[in-house]
Amino acid sequence: MRLSPVAIALSLSLAGLSSSGQSQRPDDQIKPQSVELLRQADAARRAGELTRANDLLETALAIDPKNRAAYIALAQVAQAQQLPGKAIRLYREALGIEPNDVVALAGQGDAMVQKGAVERARANLARIRSICRVDCAQATQLATIIQRGPPPSATVTAQATTTVPPRGQEQSATTPQ
């Protein structure tokens, strides 16, 4: 008699948990609106409209956060905009949905090389090779990118000069080539 309220509460909570799990959609079903926005964003990206593609992809992810292809496409847009750090984070989001996605692993490895993290890219390459078992296109492509190495640094180095321009003429002074 004293345990009846506890048993009733426990059975109601278990019934609620089991019914909430049945009402959720499977991971592989992406909302059609999100898929359509992904298609439009791909067309915009191919046309060179990176800002529009970025906006469409962010909207697609707002509609359906499980759209792994939208994360990958958004990461590709970030790489095209020379934002490898953002691309790495977006590829990580895609890998959170499907850890064995070789396209996301290869793209993340490419962004890592672009940022200068070659050793981490090699770890991605090893993971791709373990998933593919046979040599796949993503493994070959990432191996080529790693072999090429990171791009030359875009930072500007100061040039040493021995002359100091007179006061007030700093802007008109030229640097030796």
Protein backbone atom coordinates (compact mmCIF):
# COMPACT_ATOMS: atom_id res chain seq x y z
CA MET A 1 0.00 0.00 0.00
CA ARG A 2 2.81 2.41 0.83
CA LEU A 3 4.64 1.54 -2.38
CA SER A 4 1.61 2.00 -4.67
CA PRO A 5 2.19 5.73 -5.35
CA VAL A 6 5.86 5.07 -6.10
CA ALA A 7 4.99 2.21 -8.46
CA ILE A 8 2.39 4.31 -10.26
CA ALA A 9 4.79 7.24 -10.67
CA LEU A 10 7.53 4.95 -11.95
CA SER A 11 5.24 3.27 -14.47
CA LEU A 12 3.98 6.64 -15.75
CA SER A 13 7.51 7.96 -16.19
CA LEU A 14 8.59 4.82 -18.06
CA ALA A 15 5.53 5.04 -20.31
CA GLY A 16 6.34 8.68 -21.06
CA LEU A 17 9.95 7.90 -21.90
CA SER A 18 9.09 5.05 -24.23
CA SER A 19 6.46 7.06 -26.12
CA SER A 20 8.77 10.05 -26.54
CA GLY A 21 11.39 7.82 -28.15
CA GLN A 22 8.86 6.51 -30.66
CA SER A 23 7.78 9.98 -31.75
CA GLN A 24 11.28 11.06 -32.79
CA ARG A 25 12.25 10.65 -36.41
CA PRO A 26 15.24 8.53 -37.42
CA ASP A 27 18.58 10.21 -38.09
CA ASP A 28 18.52 9.36 -41.79
CA GLN A 29 15.30 11.28 -42.51
CA ILE A 30 16.12 14.89 -43.25
CA LYS A 31 13.34 17.46 -43.61
CA PRO A 32 12.57 18.21 -47.28
CA GLN A 33 12.88 21.99 -46.79
CA SER A 34 16.43 21.52 -45.53
CA VAL A 35 17.31 19.31 -48.50
CA GLU A 36 15.91 21.88 -50.93
CA LEU A 37 17.91 24.69 -49.31
CA LEU A 38 21.02 22.49 -49.55
CA ARG A 39 20.40 22.06 -53.28
CA GLN A 40 19.98 25.83 -53.75
CA ALA A 41 23.12 26.52 -51.70
CA ASP A 42 25.13 24.09 -53.84
CA ALA A 43 24.05 25.96 -56.97
CA ALA A 44 24.97 29.30 -55.36
CA ARG A 45 28.38 27.94 -54.30
CA ARG A 46 29.12 26.71 -57.83
CA ALA A 47 28.13 30.16 -59.14
CA GLY A 48 30.64 31.77 -56.78
CA GLU A 49 27.99 33.33 -54.51
CA LEU A 50 29.60 32.19 -51.27
CA THR A 51 27.71 34.57 -48.99
CA ARG A 52 24.33 33.48 -50.38
CA ALA A 53 25.36 29.82 -50.14
CA ASN A 54 26.44 30.36 -46.53
CA ASP A 55 23.07 31.95 -45.66
CA LEU A 56 21.10 29.16 -47.34
CA LEU A 57 23.12 26.46 -45.56
CA GLU A 58 22.70 28.09 -42.16
CA THR A 59 18.95 28.22 -42.78
CA ALA A 60 18.97 24.55 -43.81
CA LEU A 61 20.70 23.68 -40.53
CA ALA A 62 18.22 25.78 -38.55
CA ILE A 63 15.40 23.77 -40.14
CA ASP A 64 17.10 20.42 -39.57
CA PRO A 65 20.25 20.26 -37.41
CA LYS A 66 20.80 16.60 -38.38
CA ASN A 67 21.53 17.50 -42.02
CA ARG A 68 25.13 16.24 -42.18
CA ALA A 69 25.48 17.20 -45.84
CA ALA A 70 24.66 20.82 -44.96
CA TYR A 71 27.47 20.87 -42.37
CA ILE A 72 29.90 19.50 -44.96
CA ALA A 73 28.77 22.01 -47.61
CA LEU A 74 29.02 24.87 -45.09
CA ALA A 75 32.55 23.74 -44.22
CA GLN A 76 33.46 23.73 -47.92
CA VAL A 77 32.15 27.29 -48.21
CA ALA A 78 34.26 28.28 -45.20
CA GLN A 79 37.34 26.78 -46.85
CA ALA A 80 36.61 28.68 -50.05
CA GLN A 81 36.44 31.84 -47.92
CA GLN A 82 39.88 31.00 -46.44
CA LEU A 83 38.43 30.20 -42.99
CA PRO A 84 40.05 26.82 -42.15
CA GLY A 85 39.31 27.07 -38.41
CA LYS A 86 35.59 27.46 -39.05
CA ALA A 87 35.72 24.63 -41.59
CA ILE A 88 37.38 22.29 -39.07
CA ARG A 89 34.64 23.04 -36.52
CA LEU A 90 31.87 22.42 -39.08
CA TYR A 91 33.44 19.14 -40.21
CA ARG A 92 33.57 18.15 -36.52
CA GLU A 93 29.81 18.80 -36.30
CA ALA A 94 29.25 16.51 -39.31
CA LEU A 95 31.46 13.85 -37.74
CA GLY A 96 29.39 14.13 -34.56
CA ILE A 97 26.41 12.91 -36.58
CA GLU A 98 28.34 10.20 -38.47
CA PRO A 99 31.85 9.52 -37.13
CA ASN A 100 32.88 7.38 -40.13
CA ASP A 101 32.02 9.90 -42.87
CA VAL A 102 35.12 9.78 -45.08
CA VAL A 103 34.11 12.94 -46.97
CA ALA A 104 34.00 14.91 -43.71
CA LEU A 105 37.26 13.34 -42.51
CA ALA A 106 39.02 14.21 -45.78
CA GLY A 107 37.63 17.75 -45.78
CA GLN A 108 38.66 18.26 -42.17
CA GLY A 109 42.14 16.97 -43.01
CA ASP A 110 42.37 19.41 -45.92
CA ALA A 111 41.33 22.31 -43.64
CA MET A 112 43.90 21.16 -41.06
CA VAL A 113 46.66 21.27 -43.67
CA GLN A 114 45.42 24.69 -44.78
CA LYS A 115 45.77 25.83 -41.16
CA GLY A 116 49.18 24.15 -40.76
CA ALA A 117 48.18 21.17 -38.58
CA VAL A 118 49.73 18.51 -40.81
CA GLU A 119 50.12 15.85 -38.08
CA ARG A 120 46.42 16.03 -37.21
CA ALA A 121 45.63 15.71 -40.92
CA ARG A 122 47.79 12.57 -41.04
CA ALA A 123 45.68 11.13 -38.21
CA ASN A 124 42.56 11.78 -40.31
CA LEU A 125 44.24 10.07 -43.27
CA ALA A 126 45.01 7.00 -41.15
CA ARG A 127 41.39 6.91 -39.99
CA ILE A 128 40.11 7.16 -43.58
CA ARG A 129 42.39 4.31 -44.64
CA SER A 130 41.13 2.15 -41.76
CA ILE A 131 37.51 2.84 -42.75
CA CYS A 132 38.00 2.30 -46.51
CA ARG A 133 40.19 -0.82 -46.19
CA VAL A 134 41.02 -0.42 -49.90
CA ASP A 135 42.44 2.78 -51.30
CA CYS A 136 39.59 5.24 -51.83
CA ALA A 137 39.52 8.60 -53.59
CA GLN A 138 39.31 10.59 -50.34
CA ALA A 139 42.44 8.92 -48.97
CA THR A 140 44.37 9.56 -52.17
CA GLN A 141 43.22 13.18 -52.32
CA LEU A 142 44.12 13.88 -48.67
CA ALA A 143 47.51 12.18 -49.05
CA THR A 144 48.27 14.47 -51.99
CA ILE A 145 47.23 17.54 -50.00
CA ILE A 146 49.38 16.48 -47.04
CA GLN A 147 52.35 15.83 -49.31
CA ARG A 148 51.95 19.30 -50.84
CA GLY A 149 51.98 20.80 -47.34
CA PRO A 150 50.43 23.95 -45.95
CA PRO A 151 50.13 27.00 -48.18
CA PRO A 152 52.73 29.74 -47.83
CA SER A 153 51.98 32.00 -44.94
CA ALA A 154 49.94 35.06 -45.79
CA THR A 155 51.58 37.12 -43.07
CA VAL A 156 53.68 40.04 -44.13
CA THR A 157 57.21 40.15 -42.79
CA ALA A 158 58.88 43.40 -41.92
CA GLN A 159 61.74 44.44 -44.12
CA ALA A 160 64.88 45.74 -42.48
CA THR A 161 65.93 49.25 -43.46
CA THR A 162 68.86 51.25 -42.23
CA THR A 163 67.38 54.67 -42.96
CA VAL A 164 64.71 56.41 -40.98
CA PRO A 165 62.55 58.91 -42.89
CA PRO A 166 62.44 62.48 -41.58
CA ARG A 167 59.60 63.37 -39.21
CA GLY A 168 56.35 63.93 -41.09
CA GLN A 169 57.47 62.01 -44.19
CA GLU A 170 56.87 58.48 -42.88
CA GLN A 171 54.01 57.81 -45.31
CA SER A 172 55.98 58.88 -48.38
CA ALA A 173 58.93 56.62 -47.59
CA THR A 174 59.17 53.48 -49.73
CA THR A 175 60.41 50.13 -48.60
CA PRO A 176 63.21 48.44 -50.52
CA GLN A 177 62.25 45.46 -52.65
